[in-house]
């Protein structure tokens, strides 16, 4: 009996020991400061953008807010959100250099990027397509055209690869943001703008006249989107993944999806519904 009691006390020590529950890395930093720095994209509707009041909003933003609630439970204190705008070029260095703690926008999860940062579970699946002015059908006729794309993105890489493989003589125009791309298209400085299809739809719907744009139905890339955290910070990433799984198990993520995407279509893509099932990991 003495041996059994000793064993119970021994294991109880490791289960309840403060050191076993001690926070580390980003979680400890957030608990100490009471603030989490969230990087977001300003012009990526409906995923991440500034609303009419200049406040960050969108599908990704709502998921990040849920993650912050999870961090509050983990740290036992109220956490303030400091939103920091980042561009495609700035976003990864901002995370690595601790300018931001959580990258919340439209970042494609790739193996090469995973060498320098870590990703959460995938939160959305899309692919790159083209937006043109209405009536300008350039499908299969890209030769001699000017195609705009945001530099330092996976879409830019895939676009260059597409034209190389098809040996199409096309001029690629690198731009700084999706808003810049839409303006270039409106002023006919480019013939088409390439970006994630869901972002192109958001750009068109958020314009003064959505009817003046046309979005091609075909995709030329696979873009699994995820949130991003610093590398080697497993505890922080686990909090984020736990929240995402919880949203999927409860199907609350479907409510978030409908909030931001029902304007585009009332039918959820089968790929997204399958993603929700795959992400609904048990505790």
Protein backbone atom coordinates (compact mmCIF):
# COMPACT_ATOMS: atom_id res chain seq x y z
CA UNK A 1 0.00 0.00 0.00
CA UNK A 2 2.86 2.37 0.86
CA UNK A 3 4.43 1.74 -2.55
CA UNK A 4 1.13 2.47 -4.33
CA UNK A 5 0.57 5.72 -2.41
CA UNK A 6 4.13 6.83 -3.10
CA UNK A 7 3.66 6.16 -6.81
CA UNK A 8 0.41 8.13 -6.87
CA UNK A 9 2.02 11.08 -5.13
CA UNK A 10 5.00 10.90 -7.51
CA UNK A 11 2.89 11.10 -10.64
CA UNK A 12 0.56 13.65 -9.07
CA UNK A 13 3.56 15.92 -8.60
CA UNK A 14 4.29 15.94 -12.33
CA UNK A 15 0.64 16.43 -13.26
CA UNK A 16 0.01 19.35 -10.90
CA UNK A 17 3.49 20.81 -10.69
CA UNK A 18 3.50 24.53 -11.64
CA UNK A 19 6.42 23.89 -13.98
CA UNK A 20 4.28 21.44 -15.97
CA UNK A 21 1.68 24.19 -16.49
CA UNK A 22 4.18 26.99 -17.02
CA UNK A 23 3.77 29.05 -20.16
CA UNK A 24 6.64 29.67 -22.54
CA UNK A 25 7.51 31.43 -25.77
CA UNK A 26 4.83 33.59 -27.35
CA UNK A 27 2.16 32.58 -24.82
CA UNK A 28 4.27 33.83 -21.91
CA UNK A 29 5.11 37.01 -23.81
CA UNK A 30 1.43 37.67 -24.50
CA UNK A 31 0.46 36.98 -20.87
CA UNK A 32 3.13 39.38 -19.63
CA UNK A 33 2.26 42.20 -22.03
CA UNK A 34 -1.49 41.61 -22.17
CA UNK A 35 -1.34 42.22 -25.93
CA UNK A 36 -1.14 40.06 -29.04
CA UNK A 37 0.17 41.60 -32.26
CA UNK A 38 -1.88 40.35 -35.20
CA UNK A 39 -0.60 40.91 -38.73
CA UNK A 40 -3.31 41.30 -41.35
CA UNK A 41 -3.76 42.19 -45.03
CA UNK A 42 -5.64 45.40 -45.78
CA UNK A 43 -7.01 44.57 -49.23
CA UNK A 44 -7.93 40.86 -49.28
CA UNK A 45 -11.73 40.74 -48.98
CA UNK A 46 -13.49 38.66 -47.80
CA UNK A 47 -10.55 37.08 -45.93
CA UNK A 48 -8.77 40.09 -44.46
CA UNK A 49 -9.49 43.74 -45.19
CA UNK A 50 -10.45 47.10 -43.70
CA UNK A 51 -14.18 47.67 -43.43
CA UNK A 52 -15.93 51.00 -44.06
CA UNK A 53 -14.94 52.15 -40.57
CA UNK A 54 -11.28 51.30 -41.12
CA UNK A 55 -11.44 48.27 -38.81
CA UNK A 56 -9.84 44.90 -39.77
CA UNK A 57 -12.55 42.42 -40.78
CA UNK A 58 -13.09 39.20 -42.70
CA UNK A 59 -13.19 35.43 -42.51
CA UNK A 60 -9.57 35.07 -41.34
CA UNK A 61 -9.95 37.93 -38.87
CA UNK A 62 -12.96 36.28 -37.22
CA UNK A 63 -11.02 33.02 -36.81
CA UNK A 64 -8.12 34.94 -35.29
CA UNK A 65 -10.50 36.57 -32.81
CA UNK A 66 -11.61 33.10 -31.72
CA UNK A 67 -7.96 32.13 -31.28
CA UNK A 68 -7.40 35.19 -29.09
CA UNK A 69 -10.31 34.01 -26.92
CA UNK A 70 -8.52 30.66 -26.66
CA UNK A 71 -5.32 32.43 -25.63
CA UNK A 72 -7.24 34.33 -22.93
CA UNK A 73 -8.45 31.03 -21.47
CA UNK A 74 -4.94 29.60 -21.62
CA UNK A 75 -3.26 32.60 -19.99
CA UNK A 76 -6.08 33.45 -17.60
CA UNK A 77 -6.17 37.13 -18.47
CA UNK A 78 -7.76 39.61 -20.86
CA UNK A 79 -5.75 40.04 -24.05
CA UNK A 80 -5.85 43.16 -26.22
CA UNK A 81 -5.40 42.85 -29.99
CA UNK A 82 -2.97 45.18 -31.75
CA UNK A 83 -3.60 44.94 -35.49
CA UNK A 84 -0.54 45.54 -37.67
CA UNK A 85 -0.94 45.81 -41.47
CA UNK A 86 1.58 43.81 -43.51
CA UNK A 87 2.20 43.43 -47.23
CA UNK A 88 2.98 40.20 -49.06
CA UNK A 89 6.69 41.00 -48.84
CA UNK A 90 6.64 42.08 -45.18
CA UNK A 91 4.46 39.37 -43.65
CA UNK A 92 6.93 36.50 -43.13
CA UNK A 93 9.85 38.68 -41.94
CA UNK A 94 7.43 40.46 -39.58
CA UNK A 95 6.61 37.11 -37.98
CA UNK A 96 10.21 35.92 -37.78
CA UNK A 97 11.43 39.25 -36.37
CA UNK A 98 8.62 39.33 -33.77
CA UNK A 99 6.94 42.42 -35.18
CA UNK A 100 3.77 40.31 -35.13
CA UNK A 101 2.77 37.20 -33.16
CA UNK A 102 0.09 35.78 -35.47
CA UNK A 103 -0.21 36.19 -39.23
CA UNK A 104 -3.90 36.48 -40.01
CA UNK A 105 -4.76 36.94 -43.66
CA UNK A 106 -4.46 34.90 -46.83
CA UNK A 107 -1.18 33.00 -46.67
CA UNK A 108 -0.66 29.86 -48.72
CA UNK A 109 0.76 26.98 -46.70
CA UNK A 110 3.83 25.62 -48.49
CA UNK A 111 6.71 23.34 -47.54
CA UNK A 112 9.33 25.94 -48.43
CA UNK A 113 7.70 28.54 -46.19
CA UNK A 114 7.52 25.93 -43.42
CA UNK A 115 11.31 26.05 -43.29
CA UNK A 116 11.16 29.50 -41.68
CA UNK A 117 7.69 29.70 -40.07
CA UNK A 118 4.99 27.34 -38.81
CA UNK A 119 1.41 27.09 -40.02
CA UNK A 120 -1.83 26.26 -38.28
CA UNK A 121 -4.32 23.85 -39.75
CA UNK A 122 -5.60 24.89 -43.17
CA UNK A 123 -8.59 27.23 -42.86
CA UNK A 124 -9.57 27.64 -46.52
CA UNK A 125 -8.84 26.21 -49.95
CA UNK A 126 -8.79 28.26 -53.11
CA UNK A 127 -6.78 28.68 -56.31
CA UNK A 128 -5.52 31.47 -58.53
CA UNK A 129 -7.55 32.81 -61.44
CA UNK A 130 -7.85 35.95 -63.56
CA UNK A 131 -10.05 39.04 -63.36
CA UNK A 132 -10.63 41.13 -66.47
CA UNK A 133 -12.89 43.98 -67.46
CA UNK A 134 -16.30 42.69 -68.53
CA UNK A 135 -16.40 41.70 -72.18
CA UNK A 136 -12.66 41.11 -72.38
CA UNK A 137 -12.52 37.31 -72.63
CA UNK A 138 -8.82 36.45 -72.79
CA UNK A 139 -9.15 32.73 -72.12
CA UNK A 140 -6.63 30.91 -74.29
CA UNK A 141 -5.44 34.22 -75.71
CA UNK A 142 -2.80 35.57 -73.32
CA UNK A 143 -0.17 36.21 -75.99
CA UNK A 144 0.91 39.84 -76.04
CA UNK A 145 -1.19 40.68 -72.98
CA UNK A 146 -0.14 42.40 -69.77
CA UNK A 147 -1.05 40.36 -66.69
CA UNK A 148 -0.82 41.95 -63.24
CA UNK A 149 0.05 39.99 -60.11
CA UNK A 150 1.23 40.83 -56.60
CA UNK A 151 4.96 40.28 -56.18
CA UNK A 152 6.32 37.92 -53.53
CA UNK A 153 3.26 35.62 -53.68
CA UNK A 154 2.74 31.98 -54.65
CA UNK A 155 0.38 33.23 -57.37
CA UNK A 156 3.26 35.12 -58.98
CA UNK A 157 5.37 31.96 -58.96
CA UNK A 158 2.58 29.84 -60.46
CA UNK A 159 1.73 32.49 -63.06
CA UNK A 160 5.32 32.62 -64.30
CA UNK A 161 5.41 28.83 -64.40
CA UNK A 162 2.13 28.72 -66.35
CA UNK A 163 3.37 30.98 -69.12
CA UNK A 164 6.75 29.24 -69.28
CA UNK A 165 5.13 25.82 -69.65
CA UNK A 166 2.74 27.05 -72.34
CA UNK A 167 5.49 29.13 -73.98
CA UNK A 168 3.21 32.15 -74.00
CA UNK A 169 4.77 35.53 -74.72
CA UNK A 170 3.09 37.53 -71.98
CA UNK A 171 4.24 40.53 -69.95
CA UNK A 172 3.91 40.06 -66.19
CA UNK A 173 3.38 43.32 -64.31
CA UNK A 174 4.25 43.14 -60.60
CA UNK A 175 2.02 45.13 -58.27
CA UNK A 176 2.02 45.95 -54.58
CA UNK A 177 -1.54 45.08 -53.55
CA UNK A 178 -4.88 43.76 -54.77
CA UNK A 179 -6.30 47.28 -54.65
CA UNK A 180 -3.47 48.43 -56.91
CA UNK A 181 -4.28 45.53 -59.23
CA UNK A 182 -7.94 46.49 -59.50
CA UNK A 183 -7.05 50.13 -60.21
CA UNK A 184 -4.54 49.08 -62.90
CA UNK A 185 -7.26 46.97 -64.51
CA UNK A 186 -9.78 49.82 -64.39
CA UNK A 187 -7.29 52.19 -66.03
CA UNK A 188 -6.43 49.48 -68.61
CA UNK A 189 -2.76 49.45 -67.62
CA UNK A 190 -3.10 45.65 -67.55
CA UNK A 191 -5.38 43.25 -69.44
CA UNK A 192 -5.99 40.94 -66.48
CA UNK A 193 -5.19 40.67 -62.79
CA UNK A 194 -4.21 37.31 -61.27
CA UNK A 195 -4.88 36.44 -57.62
CA UNK A 196 -6.73 33.90 -55.46
CA UNK A 197 -10.16 33.50 -57.03
CA UNK A 198 -11.98 34.15 -53.75
CA UNK A 199 -10.03 37.41 -53.36
CA UNK A 200 -10.88 38.47 -56.92
CA UNK A 201 -14.56 37.92 -56.18
CA UNK A 202 -14.25 40.05 -53.05
CA UNK A 203 -12.45 42.79 -54.99
CA UNK A 204 -15.19 42.91 -57.60
CA UNK A 205 -18.04 42.94 -55.07
CA UNK A 206 -16.36 45.68 -53.04
CA UNK A 207 -15.94 47.94 -56.07
CA UNK A 208 -18.30 50.74 -57.11
CA UNK A 209 -19.60 48.65 -60.02
CA UNK A 210 -19.07 44.86 -59.71
CA UNK A 211 -20.67 44.36 -63.12
CA UNK A 212 -17.73 45.90 -64.94
CA UNK A 213 -15.49 42.97 -63.97
CA UNK A 214 -15.38 39.37 -65.12
CA UNK A 215 -13.65 36.51 -63.28
CA UNK A 216 -12.51 33.44 -65.16
CA UNK A 217 -13.89 30.16 -63.76
CA UNK A 218 -10.73 28.09 -64.26
CA UNK A 219 -7.97 27.88 -61.63
CA UNK A 220 -4.27 27.57 -62.42
CA UNK A 221 -2.94 26.85 -58.92
CA UNK A 222 -3.78 25.15 -55.62
CA UNK A 223 -3.74 27.52 -52.63
CA UNK A 224 -4.33 25.96 -49.18
CA UNK A 225 -4.61 28.96 -46.86
CA UNK A 226 -3.60 28.92 -43.20
CA UNK A 227 -2.66 31.23 -40.35
CA UNK A 228 1.01 31.41 -39.42
CA UNK A 229 3.04 31.50 -36.20
CA UNK A 230 6.73 31.53 -35.38
CA UNK A 231 8.73 28.37 -35.83
CA UNK A 232 9.51 26.18 -32.79
CA UNK A 233 6.59 27.56 -30.77
CA UNK A 234 4.51 24.40 -30.51
CA UNK A 235 2.47 25.47 -27.45
CA UNK A 236 1.23 28.62 -29.17
CA UNK A 237 0.47 26.76 -32.40
CA UNK A 238 -1.43 24.12 -30.41
CA UNK A 239 -3.72 26.76 -28.91
CA UNK A 240 -4.51 28.00 -32.43
CA UNK A 241 -5.04 24.48 -33.80
CA UNK A 242 -7.21 23.55 -30.82
CA UNK A 243 -9.47 26.53 -31.49
CA UNK A 244 -9.71 25.75 -35.22
CA UNK A 245 -10.58 22.12 -34.47
CA UNK A 246 -13.19 23.26 -31.96
CA UNK A 247 -14.76 25.58 -34.54
CA UNK A 248 -14.92 22.67 -36.98
CA UNK A 249 -16.34 20.17 -34.46
CA UNK A 250 -19.09 22.58 -33.42
CA UNK A 251 -19.55 23.67 -37.05
CA UNK A 252 -19.26 27.28 -35.89
CA UNK A 253 -16.77 27.73 -38.72
CA UNK A 254 -19.67 27.20 -41.14
CA UNK A 255 -21.42 30.20 -39.59
CA UNK A 256 -18.26 32.26 -40.02
CA UNK A 257 -17.98 31.06 -43.62
CA UNK A 258 -21.59 31.94 -44.42
CA UNK A 259 -21.15 35.38 -42.87
CA UNK A 260 -18.43 36.29 -45.36
CA UNK A 261 -19.09 34.12 -48.41
CA UNK A 262 -22.89 33.89 -48.73
CA UNK A 263 -22.81 37.08 -50.81
CA UNK A 264 -20.77 35.16 -53.40
CA UNK A 265 -22.66 31.87 -53.31
CA UNK A 266 -25.24 30.17 -51.09
CA UNK A 267 -23.67 26.78 -51.82
CA UNK A 268 -20.58 25.86 -49.82
CA UNK A 269 -17.83 24.19 -51.91
CA UNK A 270 -17.58 20.45 -51.24
CA UNK A 271 -13.82 20.86 -50.75
CA UNK A 272 -14.44 23.30 -47.89
CA UNK A 273 -16.97 21.02 -46.19
CA UNK A 274 -14.49 18.15 -46.44
CA UNK A 275 -11.80 20.40 -44.94
CA UNK A 276 -14.07 21.11 -41.98
CA UNK A 277 -14.51 17.38 -41.36
CA UNK A 278 -10.76 16.73 -41.61
CA UNK A 279 -9.99 19.57 -39.18
CA UNK A 280 -12.54 18.43 -36.57
CA UNK A 281 -9.87 16.63 -34.56
CA UNK A 282 -10.91 15.16 -31.18
CA UNK A 283 -9.42 16.46 -27.95
